[in-house]
Amino acid sequence: ALGSSLGGFPVPSFLDLELDPVEISRNGEFMSIFADLRVPLLSNGNMENTLDGPADGLDWEGDLFTIVPAENGVNPINGIGILRFDGTTPSGAAAGVDAEVSQLIDLSASAAQIATGLATLQTTTFFNRVDAGVNTDTEFQVIIEALDAGSLVIGSAAQLLLTDSDPTTWENQIAGLLLPAATASVRVTLLASEN
């Protein structure tokens, strides 16, 4: 009953933990939020560090990109930044190829859980695009690759998304991977295709 009059508010964050809401319910005269606390694995996953860029040794690496506060009617879904793919090669755009931006995540702290063969890694990624007419590229992917201690790929998962032409809406893509017991790290790649 109060939902329409209160509006939205951000769930607080603390100790670098993210809240993953499980249930919202009434508790006497209060509303309670029950949530899982998760340690975020991706650095700069919300694109808050606008200094991050390709080949700078920070968090995301790959083809040309910039982290911007807004772009041509596309505003951040949360926080202050969005990753803008600037080109499908390190030097610029080229038809028929992909723009890839990735991050390598060390999972050595979770080795015991991964060794059970029951650990999964899940990503939720939100994509959007500017509307520049019928020639606007629409294809995005999120790719998860499990790597062993020698950096060989021992498992992978990918999810493809074709976006709509509405820059005010964000489409999400969920990808998950059951990690092989020998996984030492994972690489998460965001990919835009010139389709």
Protein backbone atom coordinates (compact mmCIF):
# COMPACT_ATOMS: atom_id res chain seq x y z
CA ALA A 1 0.00 0.00 0.00
CA LEU A 2 2.91 2.34 0.70
CA GLY A 3 4.87 1.44 -2.42
CA SER A 4 3.42 4.10 -4.67
CA SER A 5 3.94 6.91 -2.16
CA LEU A 6 7.45 6.08 -0.90
CA GLY A 7 9.37 5.66 -4.15
CA GLY A 8 12.67 3.85 -4.41
CA PHE A 9 15.72 4.10 -2.19
CA PRO A 10 19.16 2.48 -2.37
CA VAL A 11 19.88 -0.48 -0.12
CA PRO A 12 22.90 0.47 2.02
CA SER A 13 26.27 -1.13 1.40
CA PHE A 14 28.97 -1.71 3.97
CA LEU A 15 32.36 -3.37 4.39
CA ASP A 16 32.60 -3.77 0.58
CA LEU A 17 29.87 -6.41 0.76
CA GLU A 18 26.92 -6.44 -1.60
CA LEU A 19 23.42 -7.18 -0.42
CA ASP A 20 21.47 -9.71 -2.48
CA PRO A 21 17.85 -9.35 -1.27
CA VAL A 22 16.10 -12.64 -0.51
CA GLU A 23 12.87 -11.47 1.10
CA ILE A 24 11.16 -8.25 2.14
CA SER A 25 8.48 -8.72 4.78
CA ARG A 26 6.67 -7.03 7.61
CA ASN A 27 8.19 -7.50 11.05
CA GLY A 28 5.83 -5.99 13.62
CA GLU A 29 5.57 -2.32 12.71
CA PHE A 30 8.69 -2.36 10.52
CA MET A 31 9.63 -3.63 7.10
CA SER A 32 12.55 -6.06 7.14
CA ILE A 33 14.92 -6.89 4.31
CA PHE A 34 16.53 -10.32 4.52
CA ALA A 35 19.57 -10.61 2.28
CA ASP A 36 22.63 -12.66 1.47
CA LEU A 37 25.93 -10.84 1.84
CA ARG A 38 28.27 -11.45 -1.07
CA VAL A 39 31.84 -10.40 -1.60
CA PRO A 40 32.00 -8.86 -5.09
CA LEU A 41 34.55 -10.67 -7.25
CA LEU A 42 34.74 -8.14 -10.08
CA SER A 43 36.72 -4.99 -9.48
CA ASN A 44 34.95 -1.93 -10.83
CA GLY A 45 31.95 -4.08 -11.74
CA ASN A 46 29.61 -1.09 -11.52
CA MET A 47 31.95 1.08 -13.63
CA GLU A 48 32.45 3.57 -10.80
CA ASN A 49 36.16 4.09 -11.50
CA THR A 50 36.05 6.28 -14.58
CA LEU A 51 39.87 6.28 -14.83
CA ASP A 52 39.81 2.60 -15.81
CA GLY A 53 40.61 2.05 -19.48
CA PRO A 54 42.19 -0.35 -21.97
CA ALA A 55 45.79 -1.45 -21.35
CA ASP A 56 46.27 0.73 -18.25
CA GLY A 57 46.84 -2.08 -15.76
CA LEU A 58 43.67 -1.31 -13.82
CA ASP A 59 40.61 -3.56 -13.74
CA TRP A 60 39.07 -3.92 -17.22
CA GLU A 61 41.33 -4.52 -20.25
CA GLY A 62 40.79 -5.05 -23.96
CA ASP A 63 39.70 -3.13 -27.02
CA LEU A 64 38.99 0.59 -26.93
CA PHE A 65 36.49 1.65 -24.26
CA THR A 66 35.72 4.56 -21.98
CA ILE A 67 33.75 4.71 -18.74
CA VAL A 68 31.33 7.63 -19.03
CA PRO A 69 28.57 9.06 -16.80
CA ALA A 70 26.00 9.06 -19.65
CA GLU A 71 26.00 8.78 -23.43
CA ASN A 72 23.44 9.88 -26.04
CA GLY A 73 20.39 9.31 -23.85
CA VAL A 74 21.76 6.21 -22.09
CA ASN A 75 22.11 6.80 -18.34
CA PRO A 76 23.75 4.50 -15.76
CA ILE A 77 21.43 1.84 -14.40
CA ASN A 78 23.02 2.47 -10.98
CA GLY A 79 26.06 4.34 -9.74
CA ILE A 80 27.86 6.93 -11.83
CA GLY A 81 29.32 5.11 -14.81
CA ILE A 82 28.69 2.97 -17.86
CA LEU A 83 31.21 1.19 -20.05
CA ARG A 84 31.09 2.54 -23.60
CA PHE A 85 32.60 0.33 -26.30
CA ASP A 86 34.61 2.76 -28.46
CA GLY A 87 35.95 0.36 -31.07
CA THR A 88 36.07 -3.26 -32.08
CA THR A 89 39.86 -3.25 -32.32
CA PRO A 90 42.53 -1.64 -30.13
CA SER A 91 42.74 1.25 -32.62
CA GLY A 92 39.11 1.75 -33.67
CA ALA A 93 36.03 0.19 -35.23
CA ALA A 94 36.08 -2.48 -37.94
CA ALA A 95 33.03 -4.15 -39.48
CA GLY A 96 32.34 -7.81 -38.75
CA VAL A 97 34.51 -8.06 -35.65
CA ASP A 98 33.97 -7.90 -31.92
CA ALA A 99 34.88 -5.45 -29.16
CA GLU A 100 36.05 -7.35 -26.08
CA VAL A 101 36.65 -6.03 -22.58
CA SER A 102 37.60 -8.53 -19.89
CA GLN A 103 38.77 -8.98 -16.33
CA LEU A 104 40.72 -11.84 -14.77
CA ILE A 105 39.64 -12.88 -11.26
CA ASP A 106 41.96 -14.83 -8.95
CA LEU A 107 39.97 -17.49 -7.08
CA SER A 108 42.79 -18.91 -4.97
CA ALA A 109 41.02 -17.79 -1.77
CA SER A 110 38.11 -20.09 -2.70
CA ALA A 111 40.23 -23.11 -3.69
CA ALA A 112 38.74 -25.44 -1.04
CA GLN A 113 35.16 -24.76 -2.13
CA ILE A 114 36.05 -25.06 -5.82
CA ALA A 115 37.86 -28.37 -5.23
CA THR A 116 34.54 -29.94 -4.18
CA GLY A 117 33.32 -29.59 -7.77
CA LEU A 118 30.13 -27.92 -6.54
CA ALA A 119 31.07 -24.24 -6.82
CA THR A 120 29.30 -22.09 -9.40
CA LEU A 121 30.06 -18.61 -10.63
CA GLN A 122 27.21 -16.43 -11.86
CA THR A 123 27.24 -13.04 -13.52
CA THR A 124 24.41 -10.63 -14.10
CA THR A 125 25.22 -8.08 -16.76
CA PHE A 126 23.10 -5.19 -18.01
CA PHE A 127 23.46 -3.98 -21.61
CA ASN A 128 22.08 -0.95 -23.42
CA ARG A 129 22.88 0.87 -26.65
CA VAL A 130 22.34 4.16 -28.36
CA ASP A 131 19.79 4.26 -31.17
CA ALA A 132 21.55 5.38 -34.35
CA GLY A 133 19.08 3.87 -36.82
CA VAL A 134 18.88 0.53 -38.61
CA ASN A 135 22.66 0.16 -38.80
CA THR A 136 23.10 0.25 -35.02
CA ASP A 137 24.78 -2.89 -33.71
CA THR A 138 22.59 -4.96 -31.38
CA GLU A 139 24.59 -8.04 -30.36
CA PHE A 140 26.24 -8.39 -26.94
CA GLN A 141 27.62 -11.34 -24.98
CA VAL A 142 28.94 -12.14 -21.56
CA ILE A 143 31.50 -14.96 -21.46
CA ILE A 144 32.84 -16.78 -18.39
CA GLU A 145 36.00 -18.86 -18.76
CA ALA A 146 37.46 -21.07 -16.01
CA LEU A 147 41.27 -21.28 -16.13
CA ASP A 148 43.57 -23.74 -14.39
CA ALA A 149 46.84 -22.82 -12.64
CA GLY A 150 48.60 -22.80 -16.03
CA SER A 151 46.05 -20.35 -17.48
CA LEU A 152 44.50 -22.97 -19.76
CA VAL A 153 40.73 -22.70 -20.32
CA ILE A 154 39.09 -25.76 -18.71
CA GLY A 155 35.44 -24.66 -18.86
CA SER A 156 33.33 -21.87 -20.29
CA ALA A 157 29.83 -20.47 -20.62
CA ALA A 158 28.44 -17.69 -22.81
CA GLN A 159 25.11 -15.91 -23.14
CA LEU A 160 24.08 -13.90 -26.20
CA LEU A 161 21.77 -10.89 -26.06
CA LEU A 162 20.20 -8.85 -28.87
CA THR A 163 19.23 -5.45 -27.47
CA ASP A 164 16.21 -3.36 -28.34
CA SER A 165 16.37 0.14 -29.77
CA ASP A 166 15.19 1.92 -26.62
CA PRO A 167 18.09 3.70 -24.86
CA THR A 168 15.96 4.18 -21.73
CA THR A 169 15.74 0.44 -21.03
CA TRP A 170 18.48 -1.91 -19.89
CA GLU A 171 18.37 -5.61 -20.77
CA ASN A 172 20.05 -8.05 -18.44
CA GLN A 173 21.89 -11.24 -19.23
CA ILE A 174 22.64 -13.93 -16.65
CA ALA A 175 25.42 -16.42 -17.24
CA GLY A 176 26.54 -19.19 -14.92
CA LEU A 177 29.27 -21.82 -14.87
CA LEU A 178 29.85 -24.85 -12.67
CA LEU A 179 33.55 -24.41 -11.97
CA PRO A 180 35.78 -27.43 -12.68
CA ALA A 181 37.60 -28.59 -9.54
CA ALA A 182 40.97 -27.40 -10.93
CA THR A 183 39.82 -23.80 -11.51
CA ALA A 184 42.37 -21.25 -10.27
CA SER A 185 40.90 -18.13 -11.89
CA VAL A 186 38.10 -17.01 -14.15
CA ARG A 187 38.00 -14.48 -16.96
CA VAL A 188 34.78 -12.50 -17.43
CA THR A 189 34.47 -10.94 -20.88
CA LEU A 190 31.93 -8.40 -22.10
CA LEU A 191 31.63 -8.48 -25.87
CA ALA A 192 29.92 -6.24 -28.43
CA SER A 193 29.65 -7.44 -32.04
CA GLU A 194 29.41 -5.34 -35.17
CA ASN A 195 26.46 -7.33 -36.52
